[in-house]
Amino acid sequence: MTHDAHCYELVADCRLRAATDLFAHMWDPVVLAALRTGPRRRRELRAAIGGISDKVLTDALRRLLANGLIERHARADRPPRVDYALTGLGQSLVEGPMAALGRWAAEHGEDLLEAQEKAARGEGPGTGA
């Protein structure tokens, strides 16, 4: 059995899972999107994102660093300055799959919200309504 065939049988060990795990944390794609225009300091990120706590931002930055999607640049300025920026890998994610998902959401977002509202009211598919 080839590795690819095995991968599709055991999705838990697949590169697809590694890629989809990048969207498992709600704030990670938001942080990536906030960095698409260029490097930002931590406080600039918080201001651009809005509604994110310092702890949640710290956790997101650590995950994104560990996945090689962003890089951290510490400067010896006075006061010291730290900037975060997309890596080439992060840029490819933002410009590729995230941009495609954004286009899909713009086109189908209303249908998605409507389906979710119907399901919440018990009117969705398979409910007998």
N, C-alpha and C. Protein backbone atom coordinates (compact mmCIF):
# COMPACT_ATOMS: atom_id res chain seq x y z
N MET A 1 0.86 -1.18 0.00
CA MET A 1 0.00 0.00 0.00
C MET A 1 0.91 1.24 0.00
N THR A 2 0.63 2.18 -0.87
CA THR A 2 1.42 3.40 -0.93
C THR A 2 1.11 4.28 0.28
N HIS A 3 2.03 5.20 0.55
CA HIS A 3 1.81 6.12 1.68
C HIS A 3 0.55 6.94 1.48
N ASP A 4 0.32 7.42 0.24
CA ASP A 4 -0.88 8.22 -0.03
C ASP A 4 -2.16 7.44 0.20
N ALA A 5 -2.19 6.18 -0.25
CA ALA A 5 -3.39 5.35 -0.03
C ALA A 5 -3.60 5.14 1.46
N HIS A 6 -2.54 4.87 2.18
CA HIS A 6 -2.62 4.68 3.62
C HIS A 6 -3.09 5.98 4.29
N CYS A 7 -2.62 7.10 3.78
CA CYS A 7 -2.99 8.40 4.33
C CYS A 7 -4.49 8.62 4.27
N TYR A 8 -5.10 8.25 3.16
CA TYR A 8 -6.54 8.48 3.03
C TYR A 8 -7.35 7.53 3.90
N GLU A 9 -6.80 6.36 4.22
CA GLU A 9 -7.48 5.44 5.13
C GLU A 9 -7.38 5.93 6.57
N LEU A 10 -6.24 6.44 6.93
CA LEU A 10 -6.00 6.91 8.31
C LEU A 10 -5.76 8.41 8.28
N VAL A 11 -6.80 9.14 8.14
CA VAL A 11 -6.69 10.58 7.98
C VAL A 11 -5.97 11.23 9.17
N ALA A 12 -5.99 10.60 10.32
CA ALA A 12 -5.35 11.17 11.50
C ALA A 12 -3.85 11.35 11.27
N ASP A 13 -3.24 10.55 10.41
CA ASP A 13 -1.80 10.64 10.14
C ASP A 13 -1.50 11.36 8.83
N CYS A 14 -2.46 12.01 8.27
CA CYS A 14 -2.34 12.57 6.94
C CYS A 14 -1.88 14.02 6.95
N ARG A 15 -1.24 14.44 5.87
CA ARG A 15 -0.88 15.85 5.71
C ARG A 15 -2.13 16.72 5.66
N LEU A 16 -3.22 16.16 5.18
CA LEU A 16 -4.48 16.90 5.15
C LEU A 16 -4.89 17.31 6.56
N ARG A 17 -4.73 16.40 7.50
CA ARG A 17 -5.08 16.73 8.89
C ARG A 17 -4.17 17.83 9.42
N ALA A 18 -2.88 17.74 9.11
CA ALA A 18 -1.95 18.77 9.56
C ALA A 18 -2.36 20.13 9.01
N ALA A 19 -2.81 20.15 7.77
CA ALA A 19 -3.23 21.42 7.16
C ALA A 19 -4.54 21.92 7.75
N THR A 20 -5.51 21.03 7.93
CA THR A 20 -6.79 21.48 8.47
C THR A 20 -6.69 21.85 9.94
N ASP A 21 -5.73 21.28 10.65
CA ASP A 21 -5.52 21.66 12.05
C ASP A 21 -5.13 23.13 12.19
N LEU A 22 -4.62 23.73 11.11
CA LEU A 22 -4.25 25.15 11.14
C LEU A 22 -5.46 26.04 11.37
N PHE A 23 -6.66 25.50 11.09
CA PHE A 23 -7.89 26.26 11.28
C PHE A 23 -8.67 25.82 12.51
N ALA A 24 -8.08 24.94 13.31
CA ALA A 24 -8.78 24.41 14.48
C ALA A 24 -8.94 25.45 15.60
N HIS A 25 -8.04 26.39 15.64
CA HIS A 25 -8.11 27.44 16.66
C HIS A 25 -8.67 28.70 16.03
N MET A 26 -9.75 29.18 16.56
CA MET A 26 -10.50 30.29 15.97
C MET A 26 -9.64 31.52 15.67
N TRP A 27 -8.71 31.86 16.53
CA TRP A 27 -7.99 33.11 16.37
C TRP A 27 -6.79 33.01 15.44
N ASP A 28 -6.29 31.81 15.18
CA ASP A 28 -5.08 31.67 14.35
C ASP A 28 -5.26 32.27 12.95
N PRO A 29 -6.32 31.93 12.22
CA PRO A 29 -6.50 32.55 10.90
C PRO A 29 -6.72 34.07 10.99
N VAL A 30 -7.31 34.53 12.07
CA VAL A 30 -7.53 35.97 12.25
C VAL A 30 -6.19 36.68 12.42
N VAL A 31 -5.29 36.09 13.20
CA VAL A 31 -3.96 36.67 13.38
C VAL A 31 -3.21 36.67 12.05
N LEU A 32 -3.29 35.57 11.31
CA LEU A 32 -2.64 35.51 10.01
C LEU A 32 -3.18 36.60 9.08
N ALA A 33 -4.48 36.77 9.07
CA ALA A 33 -5.09 37.80 8.22
C ALA A 33 -4.63 39.19 8.64
N ALA A 34 -4.46 39.41 9.93
CA ALA A 34 -4.00 40.71 10.41
C ALA A 34 -2.55 41.00 10.01
N LEU A 35 -1.79 39.96 9.73
CA LEU A 35 -0.39 40.12 9.33
C LEU A 35 -0.21 40.18 7.81
N ARG A 36 -1.29 40.02 7.06
CA ARG A 36 -1.16 39.97 5.60
C ARG A 36 -0.65 41.27 5.00
N THR A 37 -0.86 42.39 5.69
CA THR A 37 -0.41 43.68 5.16
C THR A 37 1.03 44.00 5.53
N GLY A 38 1.64 43.17 6.37
CA GLY A 38 3.04 43.39 6.74
C GLY A 38 3.27 43.19 8.23
N PRO A 39 4.53 43.32 8.65
CA PRO A 39 4.88 43.09 10.06
C PRO A 39 4.13 44.03 10.99
N ARG A 40 3.83 43.51 12.17
CA ARG A 40 3.15 44.31 13.19
C ARG A 40 3.69 43.96 14.56
N ARG A 41 3.64 44.95 15.42
CA ARG A 41 3.95 44.72 16.82
C ARG A 41 2.74 44.10 17.48
N ARG A 42 2.97 43.53 18.64
CA ARG A 42 1.90 42.83 19.39
C ARG A 42 0.70 43.75 19.66
N ARG A 43 0.95 44.94 20.13
CA ARG A 43 -0.17 45.85 20.44
C ARG A 43 -0.90 46.26 19.16
N GLU A 44 -0.19 46.37 18.05
CA GLU A 44 -0.83 46.67 16.78
C GLU A 44 -1.73 45.52 16.34
N LEU A 45 -1.27 44.30 16.58
CA LEU A 45 -2.09 43.13 16.28
C LEU A 45 -3.37 43.14 17.09
N ARG A 46 -3.24 43.37 18.40
CA ARG A 46 -4.44 43.39 19.27
C ARG A 46 -5.41 44.46 18.82
N ALA A 47 -4.91 45.63 18.46
CA ALA A 47 -5.78 46.72 18.01
C ALA A 47 -6.45 46.37 16.68
N ALA A 48 -5.69 45.77 15.77
CA ALA A 48 -6.24 45.43 14.45
C ALA A 48 -7.29 44.34 14.55
N ILE A 49 -7.08 43.40 15.45
CA ILE A 49 -8.00 42.27 15.59
C ILE A 49 -9.22 42.66 16.41
N GLY A 50 -9.00 43.26 17.56
CA GLY A 50 -10.11 43.61 18.44
C GLY A 50 -10.75 42.38 19.05
N GLY A 51 -11.09 42.45 20.32
CA GLY A 51 -11.80 41.35 20.99
C GLY A 51 -10.94 40.16 21.34
N ILE A 52 -9.64 40.25 21.22
CA ILE A 52 -8.75 39.13 21.56
C ILE A 52 -7.99 39.49 22.84
N SER A 53 -7.97 38.56 23.78
CA SER A 53 -7.25 38.80 25.03
C SER A 53 -5.75 38.63 24.81
N ASP A 54 -4.97 39.15 25.72
CA ASP A 54 -3.52 39.03 25.62
C ASP A 54 -3.09 37.56 25.66
N LYS A 55 -3.72 36.77 26.54
CA LYS A 55 -3.38 35.35 26.65
C LYS A 55 -3.70 34.60 25.36
N VAL A 56 -4.86 34.87 24.80
CA VAL A 56 -5.26 34.18 23.57
C VAL A 56 -4.34 34.57 22.42
N LEU A 57 -3.96 35.84 22.36
CA LEU A 57 -3.01 36.28 21.33
C LEU A 57 -1.67 35.59 21.51
N THR A 58 -1.19 35.52 22.75
CA THR A 58 0.08 34.83 23.03
C THR A 58 0.03 33.38 22.57
N ASP A 59 -1.06 32.68 22.90
CA ASP A 59 -1.22 31.28 22.49
C ASP A 59 -1.22 31.14 20.97
N ALA A 60 -1.95 32.02 20.30
CA ALA A 60 -2.02 31.98 18.84
C ALA A 60 -0.65 32.23 18.22
N LEU A 61 0.06 33.23 18.73
CA LEU A 61 1.39 33.53 18.19
C LEU A 61 2.33 32.34 18.38
N ARG A 62 2.26 31.70 19.53
CA ARG A 62 3.12 30.52 19.78
C ARG A 62 2.80 29.39 18.80
N ARG A 63 1.50 29.12 18.57
CA ARG A 63 1.12 28.06 17.62
C ARG A 63 1.59 28.39 16.21
N LEU A 64 1.39 29.64 15.80
CA LEU A 64 1.75 30.04 14.45
C LEU A 64 3.27 30.02 14.26
N LEU A 65 4.02 30.40 15.28
CA LEU A 65 5.48 30.29 15.24
C LEU A 65 5.90 28.83 15.12
N ALA A 66 5.30 27.96 15.93
CA ALA A 66 5.64 26.54 15.93
C ALA A 66 5.33 25.87 14.60
N ASN A 67 4.33 26.38 13.88
CA ASN A 67 3.97 25.83 12.58
C ASN A 67 4.73 26.47 11.43
N GLY A 68 5.61 27.40 11.74
CA GLY A 68 6.41 28.03 10.70
C GLY A 68 5.65 29.02 9.84
N LEU A 69 4.50 29.49 10.33
CA LEU A 69 3.67 30.40 9.54
C LEU A 69 4.01 31.87 9.77
N ILE A 70 4.58 32.17 10.93
CA ILE A 70 5.02 33.54 11.23
C ILE A 70 6.43 33.48 11.78
N GLU A 71 7.06 34.65 11.80
CA GLU A 71 8.37 34.77 12.42
C GLU A 71 8.36 35.96 13.35
N ARG A 72 9.23 35.90 14.32
CA ARG A 72 9.33 36.93 15.36
C ARG A 72 10.68 37.61 15.20
N HIS A 73 10.66 38.94 15.10
CA HIS A 73 11.89 39.72 14.96
C HIS A 73 12.04 40.63 16.17
N ALA A 74 13.05 40.36 16.99
CA ALA A 74 13.33 41.21 18.15
C ALA A 74 14.40 42.20 17.74
N ARG A 75 14.16 43.46 18.03
CA ARG A 75 15.11 44.52 17.71
C ARG A 75 15.65 45.10 19.01
N ALA A 76 16.88 45.52 18.96
CA ALA A 76 17.52 46.09 20.15
C ALA A 76 17.31 47.59 20.23
N ASP A 77 16.16 48.06 19.81
CA ASP A 77 15.82 49.48 19.91
C ASP A 77 15.60 49.84 21.38
N ARG A 78 15.46 51.13 21.61
CA ARG A 78 15.10 51.59 22.95
C ARG A 78 13.74 52.24 22.86
N PRO A 79 12.68 51.74 23.46
CA PRO A 79 12.61 50.44 24.14
C PRO A 79 12.70 49.29 23.12
N PRO A 80 13.01 48.08 23.62
CA PRO A 80 13.09 46.93 22.71
C PRO A 80 11.80 46.76 21.93
N ARG A 81 11.92 46.28 20.71
CA ARG A 81 10.76 46.15 19.83
C ARG A 81 10.73 44.73 19.27
N VAL A 82 9.52 44.16 19.25
CA VAL A 82 9.32 42.84 18.66
C VAL A 82 8.23 42.96 17.60
N ASP A 83 8.54 42.51 16.40
CA ASP A 83 7.59 42.49 15.31
C ASP A 83 7.28 41.06 14.93
N TYR A 84 6.08 40.83 14.46
CA TYR A 84 5.67 39.54 13.94
C TYR A 84 5.33 39.72 12.47
N ALA A 85 5.72 38.75 11.65
CA ALA A 85 5.47 38.83 10.21
C ALA A 85 5.20 37.43 9.67
N LEU A 86 4.51 37.38 8.55
CA LEU A 86 4.27 36.11 7.87
C LEU A 86 5.58 35.59 7.28
N THR A 87 5.76 34.29 7.33
CA THR A 87 6.84 33.65 6.58
C THR A 87 6.33 33.40 5.17
N GLY A 88 7.17 32.87 4.31
CA GLY A 88 6.72 32.49 2.97
C GLY A 88 5.60 31.47 3.05
N LEU A 89 5.72 30.53 3.98
CA LEU A 89 4.69 29.51 4.16
C LEU A 89 3.38 30.15 4.62
N GLY A 90 3.47 31.07 5.56
CA GLY A 90 2.27 31.77 6.03
C GLY A 90 1.63 32.60 4.94
N GLN A 91 2.46 33.28 4.16
CA GLN A 91 1.94 34.09 3.05
C GLN A 91 1.21 33.21 2.04
N SER A 92 1.76 32.02 1.77
CA SER A 92 1.10 31.12 0.81
C SER A 92 -0.24 30.63 1.34
N LEU A 93 -0.35 30.44 2.65
CA LEU A 93 -1.63 30.03 3.25
C LEU A 93 -2.64 31.17 3.17
N VAL A 94 -2.21 32.38 3.48
CA VAL A 94 -3.11 33.54 3.46
C VAL A 94 -3.58 33.83 2.03
N GLU A 95 -2.67 33.80 1.08
CA GLU A 95 -3.01 34.15 -0.30
C GLU A 95 -3.70 33.01 -1.05
N GLY A 96 -3.54 31.78 -0.57
CA GLY A 96 -4.13 30.63 -1.23
C GLY A 96 -5.42 30.18 -0.58
N PRO A 97 -5.35 29.18 0.31
CA PRO A 97 -6.57 28.62 0.91
C PRO A 97 -7.41 29.63 1.68
N MET A 98 -6.78 30.53 2.42
CA MET A 98 -7.59 31.50 3.19
C MET A 98 -8.31 32.47 2.26
N ALA A 99 -7.65 32.89 1.19
CA ALA A 99 -8.31 33.79 0.23
C ALA A 99 -9.46 33.07 -0.46
N ALA A 100 -9.25 31.78 -0.80
CA ALA A 100 -10.32 31.00 -1.43
C ALA A 100 -11.49 30.82 -0.47
N LEU A 101 -11.20 30.56 0.79
CA LEU A 101 -12.26 30.41 1.79
C LEU A 101 -13.01 31.73 1.96
N GLY A 102 -12.29 32.83 1.93
CA GLY A 102 -12.93 34.15 2.03
C GLY A 102 -13.88 34.40 0.86
N ARG A 103 -13.45 34.03 -0.35
CA ARG A 103 -14.32 34.19 -1.52
C ARG A 103 -15.54 33.30 -1.39
N TRP A 104 -15.35 32.07 -0.92
CA TRP A 104 -16.48 31.15 -0.74
C TRP A 104 -17.45 31.71 0.29
N ALA A 105 -16.92 32.23 1.40
CA ALA A 105 -17.77 32.78 2.45
C ALA A 105 -18.55 34.00 1.95
N ALA A 106 -17.92 34.82 1.13
CA ALA A 106 -18.63 35.98 0.58
C ALA A 106 -19.76 35.54 -0.34
N GLU A 107 -19.52 34.47 -1.08
CA GLU A 107 -20.53 33.98 -2.03
C GLU A 107 -21.64 33.17 -1.35
N HIS A 108 -21.29 32.40 -0.34
CA HIS A 108 -22.24 31.45 0.26
C HIS A 108 -22.55 31.72 1.73
N GLY A 109 -22.03 32.80 2.27
CA GLY A 109 -22.20 33.09 3.70
C GLY A 109 -23.65 33.17 4.14
N GLU A 110 -24.48 33.82 3.34
CA GLU A 110 -25.91 33.94 3.70
C GLU A 110 -26.58 32.58 3.74
N ASP A 111 -26.27 31.71 2.76
CA ASP A 111 -26.84 30.36 2.75
C ASP A 111 -26.39 29.56 3.97
N LEU A 112 -25.14 29.71 4.33
CA LEU A 112 -24.59 29.02 5.49
C LEU A 112 -25.29 29.47 6.77
N LEU A 113 -25.42 30.78 6.95
CA LEU A 113 -26.09 31.30 8.15
C LEU A 113 -27.55 30.88 8.20
N GLU A 114 -28.20 30.89 7.05
CA GLU A 114 -29.61 30.47 6.99
C GLU A 114 -29.76 29.00 7.38
N ALA A 115 -28.88 28.14 6.90
CA ALA A 115 -28.92 26.72 7.25
C ALA A 115 -28.69 26.53 8.75
N GLN A 116 -27.76 27.29 9.31
CA GLN A 116 -27.48 27.19 10.74
C GLN A 116 -28.68 27.64 11.57
N GLU A 117 -29.33 28.72 11.14
CA GLU A 117 -30.52 29.20 11.85
C GLU A 117 -31.66 28.20 11.78
N LYS A 118 -31.86 27.57 10.62
CA LYS A 118 -32.89 26.54 10.48
C LYS A 118 -32.60 25.36 11.40
N ALA A 119 -31.36 24.95 11.44
CA ALA A 119 -30.98 23.82 12.30
C ALA A 119 -31.21 24.16 13.77
N ALA A 120 -30.92 25.39 14.15
CA ALA A 120 -31.13 25.82 15.54
C ALA A 120 -32.60 25.81 15.91
N ARG A 121 -33.46 26.06 14.91
CA ARG A 121 -34.91 26.04 15.13
C ARG A 121 -35.49 24.63 14.96
N GLY A 122 -34.63 23.67 14.65
CA GLY A 122 -35.10 22.29 14.46
C GLY A 122 -35.73 22.06 13.10
N GLU A 123 -35.42 22.90 12.13
CA GLU A 123 -36.01 22.79 10.80
C GLU A 123 -35.03 22.26 9.76
N GLY A 124 -33.85 21.86 10.18
CA GLY A 124 -32.82 21.45 9.23
C GLY A 124 -33.07 20.09 8.62
N PRO A 125 -32.23 19.68 7.67
CA PRO A 125 -32.35 18.37 7.03
C PRO A 125 -32.26 17.26 8.08
N GLY A 126 -33.05 16.25 7.88
CA GLY A 126 -33.04 15.11 8.79
C GLY A 126 -33.83 15.31 10.06
N THR A 127 -34.50 16.46 10.21
CA THR A 127 -35.27 16.71 11.43
C THR A 127 -36.73 16.34 11.24
N GLY A 128 -37.09 16.04 10.00
CA GLY A 128 -38.48 15.69 9.74
C GLY A 128 -39.37 16.89 9.55
N ALA A 129 -38.80 18.09 9.61
CA ALA A 129 -39.60 19.31 9.46
C ALA A 129 -39.73 19.71 8.02
